[in-house]
Amino acid sequence: MPPRPPAKPPTSSTRSLPPPKLGRRQARGIKAAATNNPHPARAAAAAQGSKEPQRIAKILARAGVASRREIERMIVEGRVAINGVAIDTPATLLTSLNGVTVDGKPVQAPTPTRLFLYHKPAGLLTAERDPKGRPTIYDKLPAGLPRVMPVGRLDLNTEGLLLLTTDGEFKRQLELPSTGVERSYRARAFGNITQEQLEDLIEGIEIEGVRYGSIDANLERRTGANTWIEMKLKEGKNREVRRVLEHLGLQVSRLIRTAYGPFPLADLPVGEVVEIRQHDLVTFRKTLDK
């Protein structure tokens, strides 16, 4: 038998052909099939009349275990289990925390969200622990608080208002730039600056490839060689205020966060914590959902 001729190389007309376009009826059929064959957890919940299942990372964050990102890290490390079996994906769907353990300890069902205002002093890290042994906010928080997570961060030398919450999902919502929660600061800086230069920040600014959004900045007063500047922004990127002012040729010697959303630092003493009333918290959360 003569040898089979080698296959012809694919031509441009046969190479990497795109999939055929679906008509409207076919697309509707695929969508209907997906609806008729839901995820097993959703199907079980529907059959039992239970609430819609959610990702385990989201439920654990809501229960105050940690932020969603930290929970995802814990899952990768094998620290989260269901009925004694470690899970390997934060996409696991659940309707409750029954049988869920973290580091071998059962997780309690979420309780109503709580929010606290803390006057952070300078010299504390906004972290749970520090490899270098430097003091953190958790070393100085008053006794008797529930497990709380900071909303955003204040760097080591920044002082002022830090929100603390028991709800990891609420924390995430407050931090997202898309939510548009305004942060207010007062900065004391050495150097020359004009109101016109500060007003240009309303259009945003790019520094070393990083784009910072709109900043409402105003000269407050001058005290000798120093200037006090008020700034309002909605992004809160890492060290944003310091980097923007340093880019303008100023040396920041003191930075205070004076408000986060509708919550002011006001006259809260340094190191003290006060809880937001549930009524006020519920009212505020309704504004975030609009």
Protein backbone atom coordinates (compact mmCIF):
# COMPACT_ATOMS: atom_id res chain seq x y z
CA MET A 1 0.00 0.00 0.00
CA PRO A 2 1.47 3.35 -0.97
CA PRO A 3 2.29 5.65 1.96
CA ARG A 4 -0.36 8.15 2.91
CA PRO A 5 0.52 11.66 1.74
CA PRO A 6 1.31 14.12 4.54
CA ALA A 7 -1.51 16.27 5.74
CA LYS A 8 -1.71 19.69 4.22
CA PRO A 9 -0.87 22.54 6.57
CA PRO A 10 -3.88 24.58 7.61
CA THR A 11 -4.57 27.51 5.37
CA SER A 12 -5.58 30.94 6.51
CA SER A 13 -9.16 30.01 5.66
CA THR A 14 -9.20 27.01 8.04
CA ARG A 15 -6.87 28.19 10.81
CA SER A 16 -8.47 29.34 14.11
CA LEU A 17 -11.98 29.67 12.78
CA PRO A 18 -14.21 31.61 15.16
CA PRO A 19 -17.15 29.73 16.66
CA PRO A 20 -20.40 30.05 14.77
CA LYS A 21 -22.64 32.89 15.79
CA LEU A 22 -25.68 31.89 17.81
CA GLY A 23 -29.10 32.99 16.79
CA ARG A 24 -31.52 34.46 19.29
CA ARG A 25 -33.38 31.17 19.74
CA GLN A 26 -30.15 29.26 20.39
CA ALA A 27 -28.95 31.86 22.88
CA ARG A 28 -32.28 31.73 24.68
CA GLY A 29 -32.03 27.95 24.77
CA ILE A 30 -28.58 28.04 26.40
CA LYS A 31 -29.79 30.57 28.97
CA ALA A 32 -32.85 28.45 29.73
CA ALA A 33 -30.66 25.36 30.13
CA ALA A 34 -28.48 27.17 32.66
CA THR A 35 -31.59 28.26 34.56
CA ASN A 36 -32.98 24.73 34.51
CA ASN A 37 -29.66 23.30 35.73
CA PRO A 38 -28.56 25.60 38.57
CA HIS A 39 -25.58 25.08 40.83
CA PRO A 40 -26.33 22.15 43.24
CA ALA A 41 -26.21 24.47 46.25
CA ARG A 42 -28.74 26.81 44.65
CA ALA A 43 -30.95 23.89 43.65
CA ALA A 44 -30.89 22.48 47.20
CA ALA A 45 -31.65 25.89 48.68
CA ALA A 46 -34.59 26.37 46.32
CA ALA A 47 -35.95 22.91 47.15
CA GLN A 48 -35.80 23.62 50.88
CA GLY A 49 -37.13 27.14 50.57
CA SER A 50 -33.85 28.47 52.00
CA LYS A 51 -32.22 31.77 51.19
CA GLU A 52 -29.95 32.20 48.18
CA PRO A 53 -26.51 30.66 48.83
CA GLN A 54 -23.46 32.90 48.88
CA ARG A 55 -19.70 32.40 48.56
CA ILE A 56 -18.14 31.18 51.77
CA ALA A 57 -15.56 33.99 51.70
CA LYS A 58 -18.36 36.55 51.69
CA ILE A 59 -20.30 34.85 54.51
CA LEU A 60 -17.19 34.54 56.68
CA ALA A 61 -16.34 38.18 56.08
CA ARG A 62 -19.89 39.13 57.04
CA ALA A 63 -19.44 37.11 60.26
CA GLY A 64 -16.39 39.18 61.11
CA VAL A 65 -13.78 36.43 60.74
CA ALA A 66 -11.55 38.62 58.56
CA SER A 67 -11.61 40.63 55.35
CA ARG A 68 -12.60 38.71 52.21
CA ARG A 69 -9.03 38.84 50.86
CA GLU A 70 -7.62 37.46 54.13
CA ILE A 71 -10.25 34.70 54.16
CA GLU A 72 -9.28 33.68 50.64
CA ARG A 73 -5.68 33.39 51.87
CA MET A 74 -6.84 31.27 54.83
CA ILE A 75 -8.71 28.94 52.47
CA VAL A 76 -5.60 28.44 50.34
CA GLU A 77 -3.70 27.59 53.53
CA GLY A 78 -6.29 24.90 54.39
CA ARG A 79 -7.51 26.63 57.53
CA VAL A 80 -11.23 26.66 56.60
CA ALA A 81 -13.24 23.42 56.70
CA ILE A 82 -16.82 22.22 56.34
CA ASN A 83 -17.77 19.24 58.52
CA GLY A 84 -14.10 18.57 59.11
CA VAL A 85 -13.06 18.63 55.45
CA ALA A 86 -10.82 21.50 54.34
CA ILE A 87 -12.07 23.43 51.32
CA ASP A 88 -9.84 24.65 48.52
CA THR A 89 -11.85 27.41 46.85
CA PRO A 90 -13.45 30.64 48.11
CA ALA A 91 -16.15 30.11 45.49
CA THR A 92 -17.78 27.39 47.66
CA LEU A 93 -21.47 28.24 48.03
CA LEU A 94 -23.30 28.03 51.36
CA THR A 95 -26.58 29.20 52.85
CA SER A 96 -25.34 29.13 56.45
CA LEU A 97 -22.21 28.62 58.52
CA ASN A 98 -23.40 25.33 60.03
CA GLY A 99 -20.44 22.95 60.21
CA VAL A 100 -17.91 25.61 59.13
CA THR A 101 -14.72 25.89 61.17
CA VAL A 102 -11.68 28.16 60.96
CA ASP A 103 -8.51 26.78 62.52
CA GLY A 104 -10.68 24.05 63.98
CA LYS A 105 -13.05 26.44 65.76
CA PRO A 106 -16.75 26.72 64.83
CA VAL A 107 -17.80 30.02 63.30
CA GLN A 108 -20.74 31.79 64.85
CA ALA A 109 -23.55 33.13 62.68
CA PRO A 110 -23.26 36.82 61.75
CA THR A 111 -24.55 39.30 64.29
CA PRO A 112 -25.81 42.81 63.47
CA THR A 113 -23.06 45.00 62.05
CA ARG A 114 -21.36 47.33 64.51
CA LEU A 115 -19.26 50.39 63.71
CA PHE A 116 -16.82 52.22 65.99
CA LEU A 117 -14.88 55.47 65.72
CA TYR A 118 -11.29 55.29 67.00
CA HIS A 119 -8.91 58.22 67.46
CA LYS A 120 -5.68 56.60 66.32
CA PRO A 121 -2.53 58.20 67.69
CA ALA A 122 0.63 58.52 65.60
CA GLY A 123 3.17 55.73 66.07
CA LEU A 124 0.79 52.77 65.69
CA LEU A 125 0.48 50.46 62.70
CA THR A 126 -2.95 49.71 61.32
CA ALA A 127 -2.29 45.97 61.33
CA GLU A 128 -3.04 42.94 63.47
CA ARG A 129 0.63 42.12 63.96
CA ASP A 130 4.01 43.38 62.79
CA PRO A 131 7.00 41.12 62.00
CA LYS A 132 9.31 43.87 63.27
CA GLY A 133 7.54 44.01 66.61
CA ARG A 134 6.30 47.57 66.26
CA PRO A 135 3.13 48.47 68.21
CA THR A 136 -0.20 48.16 66.39
CA ILE A 137 -3.66 49.52 67.04
CA TYR A 138 -4.63 46.15 68.53
CA ASP A 139 -2.04 46.63 71.26
CA LYS A 140 -3.73 49.85 72.33
CA LEU A 141 -7.47 49.39 71.69
CA PRO A 142 -9.60 49.52 74.85
CA ALA A 143 -10.58 46.21 76.45
CA GLY A 144 -14.09 44.86 75.91
CA LEU A 145 -14.37 45.51 72.16
CA PRO A 146 -15.63 42.70 69.90
CA ARG A 147 -13.36 41.47 67.13
CA VAL A 148 -13.06 44.47 64.82
CA MET A 149 -11.39 45.25 61.49
CA PRO A 150 -10.09 48.66 60.39
CA VAL A 151 -11.79 50.36 57.45
CA GLY A 152 -8.85 51.33 55.28
CA ARG A 153 -5.51 52.15 56.84
CA LEU A 154 -3.67 55.04 58.40
CA ASP A 155 0.09 54.75 58.09
CA LEU A 156 2.43 54.68 61.07
CA ASN A 157 2.77 58.45 61.42
CA THR A 158 -0.79 59.42 60.46
CA GLU A 159 -3.27 60.09 63.24
CA GLY A 160 -6.97 60.77 63.52
CA LEU A 161 -10.18 58.97 62.71
CA LEU A 162 -10.09 55.25 62.00
CA LEU A 163 -13.35 53.36 61.53
CA LEU A 164 -13.54 49.87 63.02
CA THR A 165 -16.26 47.36 62.15
CA THR A 166 -17.28 43.80 62.98
CA ASP A 167 -18.44 43.17 59.40
CA GLY A 168 -15.87 42.33 56.71
CA GLU A 169 -18.29 42.94 53.84
CA PHE A 170 -19.25 46.35 55.22
CA LYS A 171 -15.53 47.17 55.55
CA ARG A 172 -15.01 46.28 51.88
CA GLN A 173 -17.99 48.38 50.80
CA LEU A 174 -16.68 51.44 52.63
CA GLU A 175 -13.21 51.08 51.11
CA LEU A 176 -14.23 50.70 47.46
CA PRO A 177 -13.67 53.89 45.43
CA SER A 178 -16.86 53.11 43.51
CA THR A 179 -18.86 53.57 46.72
CA GLY A 180 -17.70 57.18 46.83
CA VAL A 181 -17.34 57.62 50.59
CA GLU A 182 -15.45 60.85 51.24
CA ARG A 183 -12.38 61.03 53.50
CA SER A 184 -11.24 64.35 54.99
CA TYR A 185 -7.73 65.25 56.16
CA ARG A 186 -5.76 68.15 57.64
CA ALA A 187 -2.07 68.28 56.74
CA ARG A 188 0.66 70.47 58.18
CA ALA A 189 3.37 70.95 55.58
CA PHE A 190 6.55 72.96 55.15
CA GLY A 191 7.06 74.77 51.86
CA ASN A 192 5.39 77.19 49.50
CA ILE A 193 2.08 76.41 47.85
CA THR A 194 -0.71 78.52 46.36
CA GLN A 195 -4.45 78.02 46.41
CA GLU A 196 -4.37 77.89 42.59
CA GLN A 197 -1.97 74.92 42.70
CA LEU A 198 -4.22 73.12 45.15
CA GLU A 199 -7.31 73.83 43.07
CA ASP A 200 -5.70 72.04 40.11
CA LEU A 201 -5.96 68.81 42.11
CA ILE A 202 -9.72 68.80 41.52
CA GLU A 203 -8.91 67.35 38.10
CA GLY A 204 -6.79 64.57 39.62
CA ILE A 205 -3.07 64.05 39.17
CA GLU A 206 -0.67 61.37 37.93
CA ILE A 207 2.53 60.68 39.89
CA GLU A 208 5.09 58.13 38.70
CA GLY A 209 2.49 56.26 36.68
CA VAL A 210 -0.14 56.21 39.45
CA ARG A 211 -3.34 58.13 38.75
CA TYR A 212 -5.00 59.82 41.72
CA GLY A 213 -8.59 60.95 41.38
CA SER A 214 -10.20 64.27 42.16
CA ILE A 215 -9.02 65.97 45.37
CA ASP A 216 -10.72 69.01 46.89
CA ALA A 217 -7.83 70.88 48.56
CA ASN A 218 -7.79 74.27 50.27
CA LEU A 219 -5.32 76.39 52.21
CA GLU A 220 -6.55 76.66 55.78
CA ARG A 221 -3.95 78.90 57.37
CA ARG A 222 -0.25 79.64 57.59
CA THR A 223 1.73 79.36 60.82
CA GLY A 224 5.26 80.62 60.30
CA ALA A 225 6.99 78.48 57.68
CA ASN A 226 4.24 75.86 57.82
CA THR A 227 0.90 75.68 56.04
CA TRP A 228 -2.22 73.82 57.11
CA ILE A 229 -4.13 72.29 54.19
CA GLU A 230 -7.57 70.67 54.15
CA MET A 231 -8.10 67.84 51.66
CA LYS A 232 -11.12 65.73 50.71
CA LEU A 233 -10.92 62.66 48.49
CA LYS A 234 -12.84 59.47 47.70
CA GLU A 235 -10.17 56.96 46.72
CA GLY A 236 -7.78 56.61 49.62
CA LYS A 237 -4.87 55.01 47.75
CA ASN A 238 -1.80 54.05 49.78
CA ARG A 239 -0.19 57.22 51.27
CA GLU A 240 -2.16 59.31 48.77
CA VAL A 241 -2.21 62.61 50.66
CA ARG A 242 1.49 62.50 51.51
CA ARG A 243 2.54 61.57 47.97
CA VAL A 244 0.44 64.28 46.35
CA LEU A 245 1.73 67.02 48.66
CA GLU A 246 5.33 65.84 48.34
CA HIS A 247 4.91 65.92 44.56
CA LEU A 248 3.94 69.59 44.95
CA GLY A 249 7.22 70.25 46.79
CA LEU A 250 5.89 70.17 50.36
CA GLN A 251 7.23 68.30 53.38
CA VAL A 252 4.38 66.85 55.43
CA SER A 253 5.13 66.99 59.16
CA ARG A 254 1.68 66.05 60.48
CA LEU A 255 -1.34 64.37 58.93
CA ILE A 256 -4.73 63.94 60.59
CA ARG A 257 -7.83 62.24 59.20
CA THR A 258 -10.73 64.35 60.43
CA ALA A 259 -13.72 62.53 58.93
CA TYR A 260 -14.78 59.40 57.07
CA GLY A 261 -18.12 59.76 55.33
CA PRO A 262 -20.59 61.47 57.70
CA PHE A 263 -18.57 60.51 60.78
CA PRO A 264 -16.28 63.26 62.15
CA LEU A 265 -13.35 62.91 64.52
CA ALA A 266 -14.67 65.99 66.35
CA ASP A 267 -13.38 66.12 69.94
CA LEU A 268 -12.93 62.36 70.45
CA PRO A 269 -9.87 62.03 72.75
CA VAL A 270 -6.74 60.35 71.41
CA GLY A 271 -6.88 56.58 71.94
CA GLU A 272 -10.61 56.57 72.70
CA VAL A 273 -13.31 54.54 70.93
CA VAL A 274 -17.00 55.34 70.59
CA GLU A 275 -19.70 53.22 68.94
CA ILE A 276 -22.10 54.54 66.31
CA ARG A 277 -25.73 54.02 67.28
CA GLN A 278 -27.54 51.32 65.30
CA HIS A 279 -30.14 53.81 64.09
CA ASP A 280 -27.46 56.08 62.63
CA LEU A 281 -25.60 53.13 61.13
CA VAL A 282 -28.73 51.82 59.42
CA THR A 283 -29.49 55.28 58.03
CA PHE A 284 -25.95 55.60 56.68
CA ARG A 285 -26.01 52.15 55.05
CA LYS A 286 -29.16 53.07 53.16
CA THR A 287 -27.27 55.93 51.50
CA LEU A 288 -24.61 53.47 50.26
CA ASP A 289 -27.19 51.30 48.51
CA LYS A 290 -28.61 54.12 46.38
